[in-house]
Amino acid sequence: MLSNRTFMLMTTALAPALWGTTYLTTTMLLPEDRPLLAATLRALPAGILLLMLCRTLPHGAWWWKSWVLGILNIGAFFALLFIAAYRLPGGVAAIMGGIQPLVIALLASRVLHERLTGRVVIAGATGLFGVCLIVLQAQARLDAIGLVAAIGGTLSMAFGIVLTKKWGQPAPPLATTAWQLIAGGLSLLVLMLVIEGLPVAPLTPTNIIGYTYLSVIGTAFAYVMWFRGIARLAASTTAFLGLLSPVVAILLGWLIASEDLTPMQIAGIVIVLSSISVAIISKPAQTARASKTLTEEPAR
């Protein structure tokens, strides 16, 4: 029978695995050159759907905290993510997230006082090496703006994860996820109207299928699992699970889009999965202490 921690790791891992489908969905189902429209239609409907289900509003300081987290985890991250997805080949944008575990481990050691162990640093560096093997084998031109957007999105989510962990969650994940998605989605709506404007051509049935999948499955469901995991796992552990996204992205590119998968890329995938396994291994005593800390820590 699965332990509570193993079950939590598996359910949290669903989120980055689903996010790995974003790049293929964007290139195959969504209209071209509308990254802010894609980001808005992914976030705002998902937030409204979750709010209708939980029927819980923020209170006190959580009005502005939800807005800050919504910008970092949703608004800025989604905008940069879709810019990267439109300007980079499938998988490459996600692979830039390889630097995230190291960034989050460093931030968590400073802000959350999580121990920065040699094992975590080595696993992070190994994971980054693995994703670099995949990137270097990508058969496409690497666009500078796309790369900057991918790195910016990674940093935005890194700060968002650490702050989410630091501030805690005053309500069930369904509610806190809804608040962040609506805050981020409204910010994206304003940005879209100013920069891109409303779409001129009507959306096709293919476009609608793509947006619906990203909003309901890739966002509403995935983010509830993600924030639930952040509340119960160490920030650095959650960050390493995020490396599943580029692995899924590159494998989908091979399976569905007929992209080449070289032996070097296969080696990179094996290295990434190995680094995740090493990073999330926890001794029983450490797990017990972590669980006790999470149980005793009050919501801020």
Protein backbone atom coordinates (compact mmCIF):
# COMPACT_ATOMS: atom_id res chain seq x y z
CA MET A 1 0.00 0.00 0.00
CA LEU A 2 1.29 3.47 -0.90
CA SER A 3 2.49 5.72 1.89
CA ASN A 4 0.96 9.18 2.26
CA ARG A 5 4.14 10.82 0.97
CA THR A 6 4.34 8.54 -2.08
CA PHE A 7 0.70 9.22 -2.91
CA MET A 8 1.29 12.96 -2.53
CA LEU A 9 4.36 12.79 -4.79
CA MET A 10 2.40 10.92 -7.46
CA THR A 11 -0.60 13.24 -7.44
CA THR A 12 1.61 16.35 -7.43
CA ALA A 13 3.62 14.94 -10.33
CA LEU A 14 0.42 14.91 -12.42
CA ALA A 15 0.63 18.71 -12.68
CA PRO A 16 4.01 19.06 -14.45
CA ALA A 17 3.23 15.98 -16.54
CA LEU A 18 0.09 17.72 -17.82
CA TRP A 19 1.97 20.98 -18.32
CA GLY A 20 4.31 19.09 -20.62
CA THR A 21 1.39 18.82 -23.06
CA THR A 22 1.03 22.62 -23.28
CA TYR A 23 3.64 23.09 -25.99
CA LEU A 24 2.22 20.47 -28.35
CA THR A 25 -1.32 21.71 -27.73
CA THR A 26 -0.26 25.28 -28.48
CA THR A 27 1.45 24.45 -31.76
CA MET A 28 -1.20 22.01 -33.03
CA LEU A 29 -4.55 23.38 -31.80
CA LEU A 30 -4.28 27.10 -31.03
CA PRO A 31 -4.28 30.09 -33.42
CA GLU A 32 -0.89 31.51 -34.32
CA ASP A 33 0.69 34.61 -32.78
CA ARG A 34 -1.82 35.06 -29.94
CA PRO A 35 0.18 34.13 -26.79
CA LEU A 36 -1.69 36.51 -24.46
CA LEU A 37 -5.08 35.31 -25.71
CA ALA A 38 -3.96 31.73 -25.03
CA ALA A 39 -2.72 32.63 -21.56
CA THR A 40 -5.94 34.51 -20.69
CA LEU A 41 -8.28 31.79 -21.93
CA ARG A 42 -6.26 29.21 -20.05
CA ALA A 43 -6.30 31.00 -16.68
CA LEU A 44 -9.50 33.03 -16.30
CA PRO A 45 -12.14 30.39 -17.21
CA ALA A 46 -10.34 27.85 -15.00
CA GLY A 47 -10.40 30.26 -12.06
CA ILE A 48 -14.08 31.06 -12.52
CA LEU A 49 -14.90 27.34 -12.74
CA LEU A 50 -13.06 26.57 -9.50
CA LEU A 51 -14.61 29.56 -7.71
CA MET A 52 -18.08 28.35 -8.71
CA LEU A 53 -17.23 24.96 -7.20
CA CYS A 54 -15.75 26.18 -3.89
CA ARG A 55 -17.78 29.42 -3.43
CA THR A 56 -15.14 30.85 -1.10
CA LEU A 57 -13.63 34.35 -1.34
CA PRO A 58 -10.33 35.58 0.13
CA HIS A 59 -10.38 37.44 3.43
CA GLY A 60 -8.10 40.00 5.05
CA ALA A 61 -4.55 40.08 3.74
CA TRP A 62 -5.33 37.28 1.33
CA TRP A 63 -6.86 39.72 -1.12
CA TRP A 64 -3.44 41.20 -1.91
CA LYS A 65 -1.51 38.00 -1.27
CA SER A 66 -3.66 36.17 -3.81
CA TRP A 67 -2.97 38.94 -6.29
CA VAL A 68 0.82 38.72 -5.79
CA LEU A 69 0.79 34.94 -6.07
CA GLY A 70 -1.58 35.13 -9.01
CA ILE A 71 0.87 37.39 -10.87
CA LEU A 72 3.91 35.21 -10.13
CA ASN A 73 2.36 31.75 -10.53
CA ILE A 74 -0.19 32.58 -13.23
CA GLY A 75 -0.13 36.02 -14.86
CA ALA A 76 3.56 36.58 -15.59
CA PHE A 77 4.29 32.87 -15.84
CA PHE A 78 1.55 32.11 -18.39
CA ALA A 79 2.37 35.16 -20.54
CA LEU A 80 6.05 34.26 -20.70
CA LEU A 81 5.25 30.57 -21.12
CA PHE A 82 3.12 31.10 -24.21
CA ILE A 83 5.58 33.57 -25.74
CA ALA A 84 8.22 30.88 -25.34
CA ALA A 85 5.89 28.18 -26.69
CA TYR A 86 5.17 30.21 -29.83
CA ARG A 87 8.82 31.08 -30.49
CA LEU A 88 10.59 27.85 -29.52
CA PRO A 89 10.28 24.27 -30.81
CA GLY A 90 8.25 21.73 -28.85
CA GLY A 91 9.99 20.71 -25.66
CA VAL A 92 12.74 23.37 -25.72
CA ALA A 93 10.65 25.98 -23.90
CA ALA A 94 9.80 23.51 -21.14
CA ILE A 95 13.38 22.33 -20.91
CA MET A 96 14.53 25.83 -19.88
CA GLY A 97 12.77 25.05 -16.61
CA GLY A 98 15.74 22.85 -15.81
CA ILE A 99 17.27 25.68 -13.82
CA GLN A 100 14.20 25.90 -11.57
CA PRO A 101 15.09 23.25 -8.96
CA LEU A 102 18.40 24.93 -8.19
CA VAL A 103 16.80 28.38 -8.00
CA ILE A 104 14.02 27.17 -5.72
CA ALA A 105 16.40 25.17 -3.51
CA LEU A 106 18.51 28.30 -3.01
CA LEU A 107 15.47 30.54 -2.36
CA ALA A 108 13.95 27.97 0.01
CA SER A 109 17.18 27.79 2.01
CA ARG A 110 17.12 31.58 2.46
CA VAL A 111 13.41 32.26 2.86
CA LEU A 112 11.98 29.01 4.24
CA HIS A 113 15.13 27.81 6.03
CA GLU A 114 14.99 24.48 4.24
CA ARG A 115 18.32 22.69 4.40
CA LEU A 116 20.34 23.02 1.19
CA THR A 117 22.09 19.65 1.10
CA GLY A 118 24.85 18.53 -1.20
CA ARG A 119 22.53 15.84 -2.55
CA VAL A 120 20.00 18.43 -3.66
CA VAL A 121 22.66 20.61 -5.31
CA ILE A 122 24.21 17.63 -7.13
CA ALA A 123 20.79 16.36 -8.20
CA GLY A 124 19.88 19.84 -9.44
CA ALA A 125 23.09 20.21 -11.41
CA THR A 126 22.65 16.71 -12.84
CA GLY A 127 19.07 17.45 -13.84
CA LEU A 128 20.18 20.65 -15.55
CA PHE A 129 22.87 18.70 -17.41
CA GLY A 130 20.24 16.23 -18.52
CA VAL A 131 17.93 18.87 -19.93
CA CYS A 132 20.88 20.52 -21.64
CA LEU A 133 21.54 17.26 -23.48
CA ILE A 134 17.97 17.38 -24.73
CA VAL A 135 18.16 21.07 -25.71
CA LEU A 136 21.42 20.69 -27.60
CA GLN A 137 19.88 17.96 -29.73
CA ALA A 138 16.75 19.94 -30.66
CA GLN A 139 16.48 20.16 -34.44
CA ALA A 140 15.37 23.79 -34.60
CA ARG A 141 16.65 27.33 -34.31
CA LEU A 142 16.65 28.69 -30.76
CA ASP A 143 14.99 32.11 -30.75
CA ALA A 144 16.58 34.62 -28.31
CA ILE A 145 13.28 36.22 -27.25
CA GLY A 146 11.77 32.78 -26.72
CA LEU A 147 14.67 31.70 -24.53
CA VAL A 148 14.49 34.89 -22.42
CA ALA A 149 10.73 34.40 -22.01
CA ALA A 150 11.23 30.76 -20.94
CA ILE A 151 13.84 31.72 -18.35
CA GLY A 152 11.69 34.61 -17.10
CA GLY A 153 8.73 32.28 -16.69
CA THR A 154 10.87 29.83 -14.75
CA LEU A 155 12.05 32.54 -12.34
CA SER A 156 8.52 33.87 -11.90
CA MET A 157 7.19 30.47 -10.88
CA ALA A 158 10.22 29.86 -8.64
CA PHE A 159 9.46 32.95 -6.58
CA GLY A 160 5.76 32.06 -6.64
CA ILE A 161 6.38 28.57 -5.25
CA VAL A 162 8.54 29.85 -2.41
CA LEU A 163 6.06 32.57 -1.45
CA THR A 164 3.16 30.11 -1.64
CA LYS A 165 5.00 27.84 0.77
CA LYS A 166 5.98 30.73 3.08
CA TRP A 167 2.50 32.23 3.34
CA GLY A 168 0.70 28.91 3.68
CA GLN A 169 -2.87 28.28 2.52
CA PRO A 170 -5.80 29.68 4.54
CA ALA A 171 -8.37 27.61 2.64
CA PRO A 172 -8.54 24.32 0.73
CA PRO A 173 -6.45 24.13 -2.49
CA LEU A 174 -9.59 24.43 -4.61
CA ALA A 175 -10.23 27.92 -3.22
CA THR A 176 -6.65 29.23 -3.13
CA THR A 177 -6.09 27.99 -6.68
CA ALA A 178 -9.26 29.76 -7.84
CA TRP A 179 -8.12 33.06 -6.27
CA GLN A 180 -4.74 32.93 -7.97
CA LEU A 181 -6.14 31.94 -11.36
CA ILE A 182 -8.68 34.76 -11.31
CA ALA A 183 -6.11 37.35 -10.19
CA GLY A 184 -3.63 36.21 -12.81
CA GLY A 185 -6.33 35.82 -15.45
CA LEU A 186 -7.67 39.36 -14.95
CA SER A 187 -4.14 40.75 -15.21
CA LEU A 188 -3.64 38.80 -18.43
CA LEU A 189 -6.98 40.05 -19.79
CA VAL A 190 -5.91 43.68 -19.38
CA LEU A 191 -2.53 42.95 -20.94
CA MET A 192 -4.12 41.12 -23.85
CA LEU A 193 -6.58 43.94 -24.59
CA VAL A 194 -3.78 46.54 -24.54
CA ILE A 195 -1.20 44.61 -26.58
CA GLU A 196 -3.05 42.12 -28.79
CA GLY A 197 -6.66 43.31 -28.76
CA LEU A 198 -9.67 41.09 -29.27
CA PRO A 199 -9.36 38.33 -31.89
CA VAL A 200 -10.57 39.40 -35.32
CA ALA A 201 -11.20 35.94 -36.74
CA PRO A 202 -13.64 33.63 -34.91
CA LEU A 203 -12.20 30.68 -33.06
CA THR A 204 -12.38 27.37 -34.88
CA PRO A 205 -13.67 24.14 -33.27
CA THR A 206 -10.03 23.00 -33.09
CA ASN A 207 -9.08 26.18 -31.24
CA ILE A 208 -11.95 25.73 -28.79
CA ILE A 209 -10.92 22.13 -28.07
CA GLY A 210 -7.36 23.28 -27.41
CA TYR A 211 -8.37 26.11 -25.07
CA THR A 212 -10.85 23.89 -23.22
CA TYR A 213 -8.25 21.20 -22.62
CA LEU A 214 -5.64 23.68 -21.40
CA SER A 215 -8.10 25.47 -19.11
CA VAL A 216 -9.93 22.52 -17.52
CA ILE A 217 -7.30 19.76 -17.48
CA GLY A 218 -3.97 21.55 -17.86
CA THR A 219 -4.86 24.38 -15.48
CA ALA A 220 -7.86 23.90 -13.17
CA PHE A 221 -7.12 20.26 -12.32
CA ALA A 222 -3.32 20.48 -12.60
CA TYR A 223 -2.96 23.56 -10.40
CA VAL A 224 -5.18 22.18 -7.65
CA MET A 225 -2.86 19.14 -7.52
CA TRP A 226 0.20 21.42 -7.66
CA PHE A 227 -0.76 23.79 -4.83
CA ARG A 228 -1.93 20.83 -2.75
CA GLY A 229 1.53 19.34 -3.16
CA ILE A 230 3.29 22.62 -2.32
CA ALA A 231 1.41 22.76 0.98
CA ARG A 232 2.49 19.25 2.00
CA LEU A 233 5.94 18.73 0.44
CA ALA A 234 9.23 20.59 0.71
CA ALA A 235 9.56 23.40 -1.85
CA SER A 236 12.69 21.86 -3.35
CA THR A 237 10.94 18.49 -3.74
CA THR A 238 8.06 20.11 -5.62
CA ALA A 239 10.55 21.92 -7.84
CA PHE A 240 12.24 18.69 -8.91
CA LEU A 241 8.89 17.20 -9.88
CA GLY A 242 8.59 20.14 -12.27
CA LEU A 243 11.34 18.55 -14.38
CA LEU A 244 8.77 16.01 -15.57
CA SER A 245 7.32 18.71 -17.80
CA PRO A 246 10.19 18.83 -20.34
CA VAL A 247 10.41 15.03 -20.35
CA VAL A 248 6.73 14.72 -21.25
CA ALA A 249 7.04 17.54 -23.79
CA ILE A 250 9.93 15.97 -25.66
CA LEU A 251 8.35 12.50 -25.62
CA LEU A 252 5.06 13.86 -26.98
CA GLY A 253 6.97 15.67 -29.69
CA TRP A 254 8.49 12.34 -30.68
CA LEU A 255 5.28 10.30 -30.43
CA ILE A 256 2.79 12.72 -31.97
CA ALA A 257 4.68 15.40 -33.90
CA SER A 258 7.25 12.97 -35.36
CA GLU A 259 10.17 14.96 -33.95
CA ASP A 260 13.54 13.21 -33.87
CA LEU A 261 14.60 11.60 -30.60
CA THR A 262 18.34 10.95 -30.62
CA PRO A 263 20.36 8.67 -28.32
CA MET A 264 21.77 11.78 -26.64
CA GLN A 265 18.26 13.02 -25.87
CA ILE A 266 17.30 9.60 -24.49
CA ALA A 267 20.36 9.77 -22.23
CA GLY A 268 19.24 13.25 -21.12
CA ILE A 269 15.78 11.94 -20.24
CA VAL A 270 17.28 9.10 -18.18
CA ILE A 271 19.55 11.57 -16.35
CA VAL A 272 16.64 13.91 -15.60
CA LEU A 273 14.47 11.09 -14.22
CA SER A 274 17.41 9.87 -12.14
CA SER A 275 18.00 13.33 -10.68
CA ILE A 276 14.31 13.56 -9.71
CA SER A 277 14.49 10.17 -7.99
CA VAL A 278 17.62 11.11 -6.03
CA ALA A 279 16.22 14.49 -4.98
CA ILE A 280 12.89 13.21 -3.63
CA ILE A 281 14.34 10.28 -1.66
CA SER A 282 13.74 11.03 2.00
CA LYS A 283 14.80 9.09 5.07
CA PRO A 284 11.85 8.05 7.29
CA ALA A 285 12.96 10.27 10.15
CA GLN A 286 13.22 13.28 7.86
CA THR A 287 9.79 12.58 6.43
CA ALA A 288 8.25 12.31 9.88
CA ARG A 289 9.76 15.61 10.96
CA ALA A 290 8.57 17.31 7.78
CA SER A 291 5.03 15.96 8.26
CA LYS A 292 4.98 17.16 11.85
CA THR A 293 6.15 20.63 10.79
CA LEU A 294 3.42 20.86 8.14
CA THR A 295 0.78 19.76 10.63
CA GLU A 296 1.84 22.24 13.30
CA GLU A 297 2.50 25.23 11.02
CA PRO A 298 -0.44 27.67 11.13
CA ALA A 299 -1.78 29.23 7.96
CA ARG A 300 -0.54 32.75 7.47
